[in-house]
Amino acid sequence: MAAEEMSGAPGAEACDHEEAREPLLTVGGPALLWRGAALGGLAAVLAAGAVKLVKASVLLAPGAAVLGLGAVLAGWAALVHLTGGERFDDGGCD
């Protein structure tokens, strides 16, 4: 009995569902596509502002860093929205 319990990985109970493979890249619905496009535009504007600040003066580098970070985060959010949104699936049983 103890050998049967120890044979599986911790927390790996038998599941009654089949594992469905999802495509590598999915596209979200129309609402997610619009939000993703808007966030992508915001990322482009923030990145352009960061470059402009650095070119204007080195003393404005902290502001450019903040805009650059905002551009990275907005770009990341745009990619999440364009590819179908967040999915919190760890592959376990529900």
PDB file of N, CA and C in Angstrom:
ATOM      1  N   MET A   1       0.811  -1.180   0.000  1.00  0.00           N
ATOM      2  CA  MET A   1       0.000   0.000   0.000  1.00  0.00           C
ATOM      3  C   MET A   1       0.860   1.250   0.000  1.00  0.00           C
ATOM      4  N   ALA A   2       1.885   1.267   0.813  1.00  0.00           N
ATOM      5  CA  ALA A   2       2.770   2.428   0.857  1.00  0.00           C
ATOM      6  C   ALA A   2       3.522   2.578  -0.454  1.00  0.00           C
ATOM      7  N   ALA A   3       3.853   1.449  -1.100  1.00  0.00           N
ATOM      8  CA  ALA A   3       4.561   1.512  -2.372  1.00  0.00           C
ATOM      9  C   ALA A   3       3.679   2.113  -3.460  1.00  0.00           C
ATOM     10  N   GLU A   4       2.369   1.831  -3.409  1.00  0.00           N
ATOM     11  CA  GLU A   4       1.454   2.395  -4.399  1.00  0.00           C
ATOM     12  C   GLU A   4       1.327   3.900  -4.241  1.00  0.00           C
ATOM     13  N   GLU A   5       1.318   4.372  -2.996  1.00  0.00           N
ATOM     14  CA  GLU A   5       1.192   5.800  -2.734  1.00  0.00           C
ATOM     15  C   GLU A   5       2.449   6.545  -3.156  1.00  0.00           C
ATOM     16  N   MET A   6       3.592   5.926  -3.039  1.00  0.00           N
ATOM     17  CA  MET A   6       4.850   6.588  -3.326  1.00  0.00           C
ATOM     18  C   MET A   6       5.205   6.524  -4.812  1.00  0.00           C
ATOM     19  N   SER A   7       4.501   5.706  -5.593  1.00  0.00           N
ATOM     20  CA  SER A   7       4.890   5.509  -6.985  1.00  0.00           C
ATOM     21  C   SER A   7       4.646   6.747  -7.844  1.00  0.00           C
ATOM     22  N   GLY A   8       3.599   7.522  -7.588  1.00  0.00           N
ATOM     23  CA  GLY A   8       3.284   8.695  -8.402  1.00  0.00           C
ATOM     24  C   GLY A   8       3.979   9.938  -7.881  1.00  0.00           C
ATOM     25  N   ALA A   9       3.949  10.966  -8.706  1.00  0.00           N
ATOM     26  CA  ALA A   9       4.507  12.247  -8.283  1.00  0.00           C
ATOM     27  C   ALA A   9       3.591  12.846  -7.226  1.00  0.00           C
ATOM     28  N   PRO A  10       4.126  13.704  -6.361  1.00  0.00           N
ATOM     29  CA  PRO A  10       3.299  14.308  -5.327  1.00  0.00           C
ATOM     30  C   PRO A  10       2.156  15.102  -5.951  1.00  0.00           C
ATOM     31  N   GLY A  11       0.968  14.856  -5.509  1.00  0.00           N
ATOM     32  CA  GLY A  11      -0.204  15.573  -5.991  1.00  0.00           C
ATOM     33  C   GLY A  11      -0.672  15.134  -7.367  1.00  0.00           C
ATOM     34  N   ALA A  12      -0.163  14.023  -7.873  1.00  0.00           N
ATOM     35  CA  ALA A  12      -0.547  13.572  -9.210  1.00  0.00           C
ATOM     36  C   ALA A  12      -1.628  12.504  -9.086  1.00  0.00           C
ATOM     37  N   GLU A  13      -2.851  12.941  -8.828  1.00  0.00           N
ATOM     38  CA  GLU A  13      -3.960  12.011  -8.742  1.00  0.00           C
ATOM     39  C   GLU A  13      -4.435  11.699 -10.157  1.00  0.00           C
ATOM     40  N   ALA A  14      -5.173  10.629 -10.273  1.00  0.00           N
ATOM     41  CA  ALA A  14      -5.704  10.252 -11.585  1.00  0.00           C
ATOM     42  C   ALA A  14      -6.788  11.239 -11.992  1.00  0.00           C
ATOM     43  N   CYS A  15      -6.724  11.703 -13.231  1.00  0.00           N
ATOM     44  CA  CYS A  15      -7.714  12.641 -13.756  1.00  0.00           C
ATOM     45  C   CYS A  15      -8.658  11.899 -14.690  1.00  0.00           C
ATOM     46  N   ASP A  16      -9.891  12.369 -14.734  1.00  0.00           N
ATOM     47  CA  ASP A  16     -10.888  11.759 -15.600  1.00  0.00           C
ATOM     48  C   ASP A  16     -11.064  12.520 -16.903  1.00  0.00           C
ATOM     49  N   HIS A  17     -10.166  13.403 -17.233  1.00  0.00           N
ATOM     50  CA  HIS A  17     -10.326  14.168 -18.460  1.00  0.00           C
ATOM     51  C   HIS A  17      -9.172  13.902 -19.411  1.00  0.00           C
ATOM     52  N   GLU A  18      -9.470  14.037 -20.684  1.00  0.00           N
ATOM     53  CA  GLU A  18      -8.425  13.875 -21.687  1.00  0.00           C
ATOM     54  C   GLU A  18      -7.664  15.180 -21.819  1.00  0.00           C
ATOM     55  N   GLU A  19      -6.387  15.055 -22.091  1.00  0.00           N
ATOM     56  CA  GLU A  19      -5.599  16.260 -22.293  1.00  0.00           C
ATOM     57  C   GLU A  19      -5.752  16.715 -23.731  1.00  0.00           C
ATOM     58  N   ALA A  20      -6.318  17.885 -23.904  1.00  0.00           N
ATOM     59  CA  ALA A  20      -6.491  18.450 -25.237  1.00  0.00           C
ATOM     60  C   ALA A  20      -5.321  19.377 -25.522  1.00  0.00           C
ATOM     61  N   ARG A  21      -4.706  19.182 -26.654  1.00  0.00           N
ATOM     62  CA  ARG A  21      -3.587  20.046 -27.019  1.00  0.00           C
ATOM     63  C   ARG A  21      -4.118  21.303 -27.676  1.00  0.00           C
ATOM     64  N   GLU A  22      -3.639  22.442 -27.171  1.00  0.00           N
ATOM     65  CA  GLU A  22      -4.034  23.713 -27.755  1.00  0.00           C
ATOM     66  C   GLU A  22      -3.004  24.106 -28.796  1.00  0.00           C
ATOM     67  N   PRO A  23      -3.405  24.919 -29.769  1.00  0.00           N
ATOM     68  CA  PRO A  23      -2.435  25.366 -30.760  1.00  0.00           C
ATOM     69  C   PRO A  23      -1.355  26.226 -30.115  1.00  0.00           C
ATOM     70  N   LEU A  24      -0.210  26.296 -30.775  1.00  0.00           N
ATOM     71  CA  LEU A  24       0.916  27.046 -30.236  1.00  0.00           C
ATOM     72  C   LEU A  24       0.585  28.530 -30.096  1.00  0.00           C
ATOM     73  N   LEU A  25      -0.136  29.072 -31.055  1.00  0.00           N
ATOM     74  CA  LEU A  25      -0.494  30.489 -31.016  1.00  0.00           C
ATOM     75  C   LEU A  25      -1.992  30.623 -31.243  1.00  0.00           C
ATOM     76  N   THR A  26      -2.652  31.279 -30.319  1.00  0.00           N
ATOM     77  CA  THR A  26      -4.079  31.521 -30.471  1.00  0.00           C
ATOM     78  C   THR A  26      -4.313  33.018 -30.596  1.00  0.00           C
ATOM     79  N   VAL A  27      -5.405  33.385 -31.236  1.00  0.00           N
ATOM     80  CA  VAL A  27      -5.771  34.785 -31.384  1.00  0.00           C
ATOM     81  C   VAL A  27      -7.051  35.006 -30.600  1.00  0.00           C
ATOM     82  N   GLY A  28      -7.088  36.114 -29.867  1.00  0.00           N
ATOM     83  CA  GLY A  28      -8.252  36.406 -29.047  1.00  0.00           C
ATOM     84  C   GLY A  28      -9.419  36.923 -29.865  1.00  0.00           C
ATOM     85  N   GLY A  29     -10.498  37.200 -29.177  1.00  0.00           N
ATOM     86  CA  GLY A  29     -11.685  37.733 -29.815  1.00  0.00           C
ATOM     87  C   GLY A  29     -11.495  39.187 -30.222  1.00  0.00           C
ATOM     88  N   PRO A  30     -12.512  39.774 -30.852  1.00  0.00           N
ATOM     89  CA  PRO A  30     -12.400  41.160 -31.332  1.00  0.00           C
ATOM     90  C   PRO A  30     -12.082  42.165 -30.233  1.00  0.00           C
ATOM     91  N   ALA A  31     -12.684  42.004 -29.051  1.00  0.00           N
ATOM     92  CA  ALA A  31     -12.418  42.946 -27.961  1.00  0.00           C
ATOM     93  C   ALA A  31     -10.952  42.884 -27.529  1.00  0.00           C
ATOM     94  N   LEU A  32     -10.416  41.676 -27.431  1.00  0.00           N
ATOM     95  CA  LEU A  32      -9.009  41.531 -27.045  1.00  0.00           C
ATOM     96  C   LEU A  32      -8.080  42.079 -28.124  1.00  0.00           C
ATOM     97  N   LEU A  33      -8.468  41.916 -29.388  1.00  0.00           N
ATOM     98  CA  LEU A  33      -7.631  42.440 -30.471  1.00  0.00           C
ATOM     99  C   LEU A  33      -7.575  43.964 -30.432  1.00  0.00           C
ATOM    100  N   TRP A  34      -8.709  44.607 -30.184  1.00  0.00           N
ATOM    101  CA  TRP A  34      -8.713  46.074 -30.095  1.00  0.00           C
ATOM    102  C   TRP A  34      -7.876  46.556 -28.919  1.00  0.00           C
ATOM    103  N   ARG A  35      -8.037  45.914 -27.769  1.00  0.00           N
ATOM    104  CA  ARG A  35      -7.236  46.303 -26.601  1.00  0.00           C
ATOM    105  C   ARG A  35      -5.754  46.075 -26.848  1.00  0.00           C
ATOM    106  N   GLY A  36      -5.435  44.962 -27.493  1.00  0.00           N
ATOM    107  CA  GLY A  36      -4.037  44.671 -27.797  1.00  0.00           C
ATOM    108  C   GLY A  36      -3.436  45.696 -28.746  1.00  0.00           C
ATOM    109  N   ALA A  37      -4.219  46.103 -29.757  1.00  0.00           N
ATOM    110  CA  ALA A  37      -3.740  47.114 -30.697  1.00  0.00           C
ATOM    111  C   ALA A  37      -3.539  48.451 -29.992  1.00  0.00           C
ATOM    112  N   ALA A  38      -4.463  48.810 -29.107  1.00  0.00           N
ATOM    113  CA  ALA A  38      -4.338  50.069 -28.365  1.00  0.00           C
ATOM    114  C   ALA A  38      -3.120  50.038 -27.447  1.00  0.00           C
ATOM    115  N   LEU A  39      -2.907  48.924 -26.776  1.00  0.00           N
ATOM    116  CA  LEU A  39      -1.736  48.800 -25.899  1.00  0.00           C
ATOM    117  C   LEU A  39      -0.442  48.796 -26.700  1.00  0.00           C
ATOM    118  N   GLY A  40      -0.468  48.209 -27.889  1.00  0.00           N
ATOM    119  CA  GLY A  40       0.709  48.256 -28.755  1.00  0.00           C
ATOM    120  C   GLY A  40       1.022  49.677 -29.190  1.00  0.00           C
ATOM    121  N   GLY A  41      -0.012  50.441 -29.505  1.00  0.00           N
ATOM    122  CA  GLY A  41       0.183  51.857 -29.842  1.00  0.00           C
ATOM    123  C   GLY A  41       0.737  52.645 -28.669  1.00  0.00           C
ATOM    124  N   LEU A  42       0.208  52.373 -27.478  1.00  0.00           N
ATOM    125  CA  LEU A  42       0.725  53.037 -26.275  1.00  0.00           C
ATOM    126  C   LEU A  42       2.191  52.691 -26.057  1.00  0.00           C
ATOM    127  N   ALA A  43       2.551  51.445 -26.270  1.00  0.00           N
ATOM    128  CA  ALA A  43       3.948  51.025 -26.114  1.00  0.00           C
ATOM    129  C   ALA A  43       4.847  51.768 -27.095  1.00  0.00           C
ATOM    130  N   ALA A  44       4.387  51.930 -28.326  1.00  0.00           N
ATOM    131  CA  ALA A  44       5.183  52.642 -29.329  1.00  0.00           C
ATOM    132  C   ALA A  44       5.360  54.105 -28.956  1.00  0.00           C
ATOM    133  N   VAL A  45       4.290  54.731 -28.472  1.00  0.00           N
ATOM    134  CA  VAL A  45       4.369  56.150 -28.082  1.00  0.00           C
ATOM    135  C   VAL A  45       5.305  56.319 -26.883  1.00  0.00           C
ATOM    136  N   LEU A  46       5.196  55.448 -25.906  1.00  0.00           N
ATOM    137  CA  LEU A  46       6.077  55.531 -24.731  1.00  0.00           C
ATOM    138  C   LEU A  46       7.538  55.304 -25.108  1.00  0.00           C
ATOM    139  N   ALA A  47       7.790  54.364 -25.988  1.00  0.00           N
ATOM    140  CA  ALA A  47       9.168  54.108 -26.421  1.00  0.00           C
ATOM    141  C   ALA A  47       9.722  55.304 -27.177  1.00  0.00           C
ATOM    142  N   ALA A  48       8.907  55.896 -28.044  1.00  0.00           N
ATOM    143  CA  ALA A  48       9.362  57.081 -28.782  1.00  0.00           C
ATOM    144  C   ALA A  48       9.638  58.238 -27.826  1.00  0.00           C
ATOM    145  N   GLY A  49       8.796  58.395 -26.816  1.00  0.00           N
ATOM    146  CA  GLY A  49       9.030  59.437 -25.816  1.00  0.00           C
ATOM    147  C   GLY A  49      10.305  59.210 -25.031  1.00  0.00           C
ATOM    148  N   ALA A  50      10.593  57.964 -24.710  1.00  0.00           N
ATOM    149  CA  ALA A  50      11.829  57.652 -23.979  1.00  0.00           C
ATOM    150  C   ALA A  50      13.045  57.990 -24.820  1.00  0.00           C
ATOM    151  N   VAL A  51      13.018  57.639 -26.103  1.00  0.00           N
ATOM    152  CA  VAL A  51      14.144  57.936 -26.992  1.00  0.00           C
ATOM    153  C   VAL A  51      14.311  59.439 -27.142  1.00  0.00           C
ATOM    154  N   LYS A  52      13.196  60.156 -27.258  1.00  0.00           N
ATOM    155  CA  LYS A  52      13.248  61.607 -27.412  1.00  0.00           C
ATOM    156  C   LYS A  52      13.846  62.267 -26.166  1.00  0.00           C
ATOM    157  N   LEU A  53      13.480  61.779 -24.999  1.00  0.00           N
ATOM    158  CA  LEU A  53      14.020  62.345 -23.760  1.00  0.00           C
ATOM    159  C   LEU A  53      15.526  62.130 -23.663  1.00  0.00           C
ATOM    160  N   VAL A  54      15.985  60.956 -24.021  1.00  0.00           N
ATOM    161  CA  VAL A  54      17.421  60.679 -23.937  1.00  0.00           C
ATOM    162  C   VAL A  54      18.190  61.543 -24.938  1.00  0.00           C
ATOM    163  N   LYS A  55      17.619  61.734 -26.118  1.00  0.00           N
ATOM    164  CA  LYS A  55      18.283  62.570 -27.114  1.00  0.00           C
ATOM    165  C   LYS A  55      18.292  64.039 -26.709  1.00  0.00           C
ATOM    166  N   ALA A  56      17.275  64.475 -25.948  1.00  0.00           N
ATOM    167  CA  ALA A  56      17.203  65.871 -25.530  1.00  0.00           C
ATOM    168  C   ALA A  56      18.286  66.193 -24.509  1.00  0.00           C
ATOM    169  N   SER A  57      18.446  65.339 -23.521  1.00  0.00           N
ATOM    170  CA  SER A  57      19.450  65.593 -22.488  1.00  0.00           C
ATOM    171  C   SER A  57      19.679  64.327 -21.677  1.00  0.00           C
ATOM    172  N   VAL A  58      20.909  64.122 -21.295  1.00  0.00           N
ATOM    173  CA  VAL A  58      21.246  62.967 -20.460  1.00  0.00           C
ATOM    174  C   VAL A  58      20.632  63.126 -19.076  1.00  0.00           C
ATOM    175  N   LEU A  59      20.392  64.362 -18.659  1.00  0.00           N
ATOM    176  CA  LEU A  59      19.797  64.601 -17.347  1.00  0.00           C
ATOM    177  C   LEU A  59      18.355  64.103 -17.265  1.00  0.00           C
ATOM    178  N   LEU A  60      17.743  63.879 -18.402  1.00  0.00           N
ATOM    179  CA  LEU A  60      16.370  63.375 -18.430  1.00  0.00           C
ATOM    180  C   LEU A  60      16.318  61.851 -18.504  1.00  0.00           C
ATOM    181  N   ALA A  61      17.445  61.201 -18.294  1.00  0.00           N
ATOM    182  CA  ALA A  61      17.518  59.739 -18.366  1.00  0.00           C
ATOM    183  C   ALA A  61      16.593  59.039 -17.376  1.00  0.00           C
ATOM    184  N   PRO A  62      16.428  59.533 -16.131  1.00  0.00           N
ATOM    185  CA  PRO A  62      15.475  58.851 -15.236  1.00  0.00           C
ATOM    186  C   PRO A  62      14.046  58.857 -15.785  1.00  0.00           C
ATOM    187  N   GLY A  63      13.635  59.958 -16.367  1.00  0.00           N
ATOM    188  CA  GLY A  63      12.309  60.012 -16.976  1.00  0.00           C
ATOM    189  C   GLY A  63      12.212  59.071 -18.166  1.00  0.00           C
ATOM    190  N   ALA A  64      13.295  58.998 -18.929  1.00  0.00           N
ATOM    191  CA  ALA A  64      13.321  58.087 -20.078  1.00  0.00           C
ATOM    192  C   ALA A  64      13.253  56.635 -19.608  1.00  0.00           C
ATOM    193  N   ALA A  65      13.888  56.337 -18.481  1.00  0.00           N
ATOM    194  CA  ALA A  65      13.836  54.971 -17.947  1.00  0.00           C
ATOM    195  C   ALA A  65      12.415  54.602 -17.532  1.00  0.00           C
ATOM    196  N   VAL A  66      11.706  55.542 -16.936  1.00  0.00           N
ATOM    197  CA  VAL A  66      10.318  55.293 -16.535  1.00  0.00           C
ATOM    198  C   VAL A  66       9.450  55.069 -17.769  1.00  0.00           C
ATOM    199  N   LEU A  67       9.630  55.904 -18.794  1.00  0.00           N
ATOM    200  CA  LEU A  67       8.867  55.724 -20.028  1.00  0.00           C
ATOM    201  C   LEU A  67       9.233  54.412 -20.719  1.00  0.00           C
ATOM    202  N   GLY A  68      10.506  54.058 -20.690  1.00  0.00           N
ATOM    203  CA  GLY A  68      10.939  52.802 -21.291  1.00  0.00           C
ATOM    204  C   GLY A  68      10.338  51.598 -20.592  1.00  0.00           C
ATOM    205  N   LEU A  69      10.291  51.646 -19.266  1.00  0.00           N
ATOM    206  CA  LEU A  69       9.673  50.561 -18.507  1.00  0.00           C
ATOM    207  C   LEU A  69       8.186  50.474 -18.832  1.00  0.00           C
ATOM    208  N   GLY A  70       7.537  51.622 -18.917  1.00  0.00           N
ATOM    209  CA  GLY A  70       6.127  51.637 -19.300  1.00  0.00           C
ATOM    210  C   GLY A  70       5.918  51.045 -20.685  1.00  0.00           C
ATOM    211  N   ALA A  71       6.850  51.332 -21.605  1.00  0.00           N
ATOM    212  CA  ALA A  71       6.757  50.790 -22.963  1.00  0.00           C
ATOM    213  C   ALA A  71       6.887  49.270 -22.952  1.00  0.00           C
ATOM    214  N   VAL A  72       7.813  48.766 -22.159  1.00  0.00           N
ATOM    215  CA  VAL A  72       7.996  47.311 -22.073  1.00  0.00           C
ATOM    216  C   VAL A  72       6.750  46.642 -21.503  1.00  0.00           C
ATOM    217  N   LEU A  73       6.202  47.210 -20.436  1.00  0.00           N
ATOM    218  CA  LEU A  73       5.014  46.615 -19.814  1.00  0.00           C
ATOM    219  C   LEU A  73       3.790  46.709 -20.730  1.00  0.00           C
ATOM    220  N   ALA A  74       3.638  47.841 -21.424  1.00  0.00           N
ATOM    221  CA  ALA A  74       2.511  47.977 -22.347  1.00  0.00           C
ATOM    222  C   ALA A  74       2.672  47.017 -23.527  1.00  0.00           C
ATOM    223  N   GLY A  75       3.899  46.818 -23.991  1.00  0.00           N
ATOM    224  CA  GLY A  75       4.138  45.860 -25.069  1.00  0.00           C
ATOM    225  C   GLY A  75       3.829  44.444 -24.643  1.00  0.00           C
ATOM    226  N   TRP A  76       4.209  44.114 -23.431  1.00  0.00           N
ATOM    227  CA  TRP A  76       3.915  42.783 -22.882  1.00  0.00           C
ATOM    228  C   TRP A  76       2.397  42.579 -22.789  1.00  0.00           C
ATOM    229  N   ALA A  77       1.696  43.574 -22.255  1.00  0.00           N
ATOM    230  CA  ALA A  77       0.237  43.479 -22.148  1.00  0.00           C
ATOM    231  C   ALA A  77      -0.399  43.367 -23.534  1.00  0.00           C
ATOM    232  N   ALA A  78       0.147  44.084 -24.514  1.00  0.00           N
ATOM    233  CA  ALA A  78      -0.383  43.998 -25.881  1.00  0.00           C
ATOM    234  C   ALA A  78      -0.240  42.579 -26.420  1.00  0.00           C
ATOM    235  N   LEU A  79       0.913  41.966 -26.188  1.00  0.00           N
ATOM    236  CA  LEU A  79       1.106  40.594 -26.658  1.00  0.00           C
ATOM    237  C   LEU A  79       0.158  39.620 -25.974  1.00  0.00           C
ATOM    238  N   VAL A  80      -0.084  39.818 -24.697  1.00  0.00           N
ATOM    239  CA  VAL A  80      -1.009  38.949 -23.970  1.00  0.00           C
ATOM    240  C   VAL A  80      -2.407  39.080 -24.561  1.00  0.00           C
ATOM    241  N   HIS A  81      -2.836  40.310 -24.824  1.00  0.00           N
ATOM    242  CA  HIS A  81      -4.174  40.516 -25.379  1.00  0.00           C
ATOM    243  C   HIS A  81      -4.280  39.993 -26.814  1.00  0.00           C
ATOM    244  N   LEU A  82      -3.259  40.206 -27.604  1.00  0.00           N
ATOM    245  CA  LEU A  82      -3.315  39.776 -29.001  1.00  0.00           C
ATOM    246  C   LEU A  82      -3.299  38.257 -29.153  1.00  0.00           C
ATOM    247  N   THR A  83      -2.737  37.568 -28.185  1.00  0.00           N
ATOM    248  CA  THR A  83      -2.655  36.109 -28.278  1.00  0.00           C
ATOM    249  C   THR A  83      -3.755  35.403 -27.505  1.00  0.00           C
ATOM    250  N   GLY A  84      -4.793  36.113 -27.117  1.00  0.00           N
ATOM    251  CA  GLY A  84      -5.947  35.448 -26.526  1.00  0.00           C
ATOM    252  C   GLY A  84      -6.150  35.656 -25.048  1.00  0.00           C
ATOM    253  N   GLY A  85      -5.370  36.466 -24.413  1.00  0.00           N
ATOM    254  CA  GLY A  85      -5.570  36.741 -22.993  1.00  0.00           C
ATOM    255  C   GLY A  85      -4.875  35.737 -22.098  1.00  0.00           C
ATOM    256  N   GLU A  86      -4.968  36.008 -20.809  1.00  0.00           N
ATOM    257  CA  GLU A  86      -4.305  35.156 -19.829  1.00  0.00           C
ATOM    258  C   GLU A  86      -5.088  33.876 -19.623  1.00  0.00           C
ATOM    259  N   ARG A  87      -4.382  32.812 -19.452  1.00  0.00           N
ATOM    260  CA  ARG A  87      -5.000  31.524 -19.119  1.00  0.00           C
ATOM    261  C   ARG A  87      -4.264  30.962 -17.928  1.00  0.00           C
ATOM    262  N   PHE A  88      -4.999  30.743 -16.872  1.00  0.00           N
ATOM    263  CA  PHE A  88      -4.406  30.207 -15.652  1.00  0.00           C
ATOM    264  C   PHE A  88      -4.653  28.704 -15.632  1.00  0.00           C
ATOM    265  N   ASP A  89      -3.894  27.980 -16.426  1.00  0.00           N
ATOM    266  CA  ASP A  89      -4.064  26.538 -16.520  1.00  0.00           C
ATOM    267  C   ASP A  89      -2.738  25.882 -16.167  1.00  0.00           C
ATOM    268  N   ASP A  90      -2.719  25.181 -15.061  1.00  0.00           N
ATOM    269  CA  ASP A  90      -1.484  24.491 -14.670  1.00  0.00           C
ATOM    270  C   ASP A  90      -1.494  23.026 -15.116  1.00  0.00           C
ATOM    271  N   GLY A  91      -2.515  22.632 -15.861  1.00  0.00           N
ATOM    272  CA  GLY A  91      -2.562  21.269 -16.356  1.00  0.00           C
ATOM    273  C   GLY A  91      -3.123  20.263 -15.386  1.00  0.00           C
ATOM    274  N   GLY A  92      -3.545  20.697 -14.206  1.00  0.00           N
ATOM    275  CA  GLY A  92      -4.077  19.777 -13.228  1.00  0.00           C
ATOM    276  C   GLY A  92      -5.560  19.558 -13.388  1.00  0.00           C
ATOM    277  N   CYS A  93      -6.092  18.744 -12.525  1.00  0.00           N
ATOM    278  CA  CYS A  93      -7.540  18.474 -12.547  1.00  0.00           C
ATOM    279  C   CYS A  93      -8.278  19.656 -11.939  1.00  0.00           C
ATOM    280  N   ASP A  94      -9.448  19.927 -12.439  1.00  0.00           N
ATOM    281  CA  ASP A  94     -10.260  21.007 -11.879  1.00  0.00           C
ATOM    282  C   ASP A  94     -11.109  20.517 -10.760  1.00  0.00           C
TER     283      ASP A  94
END
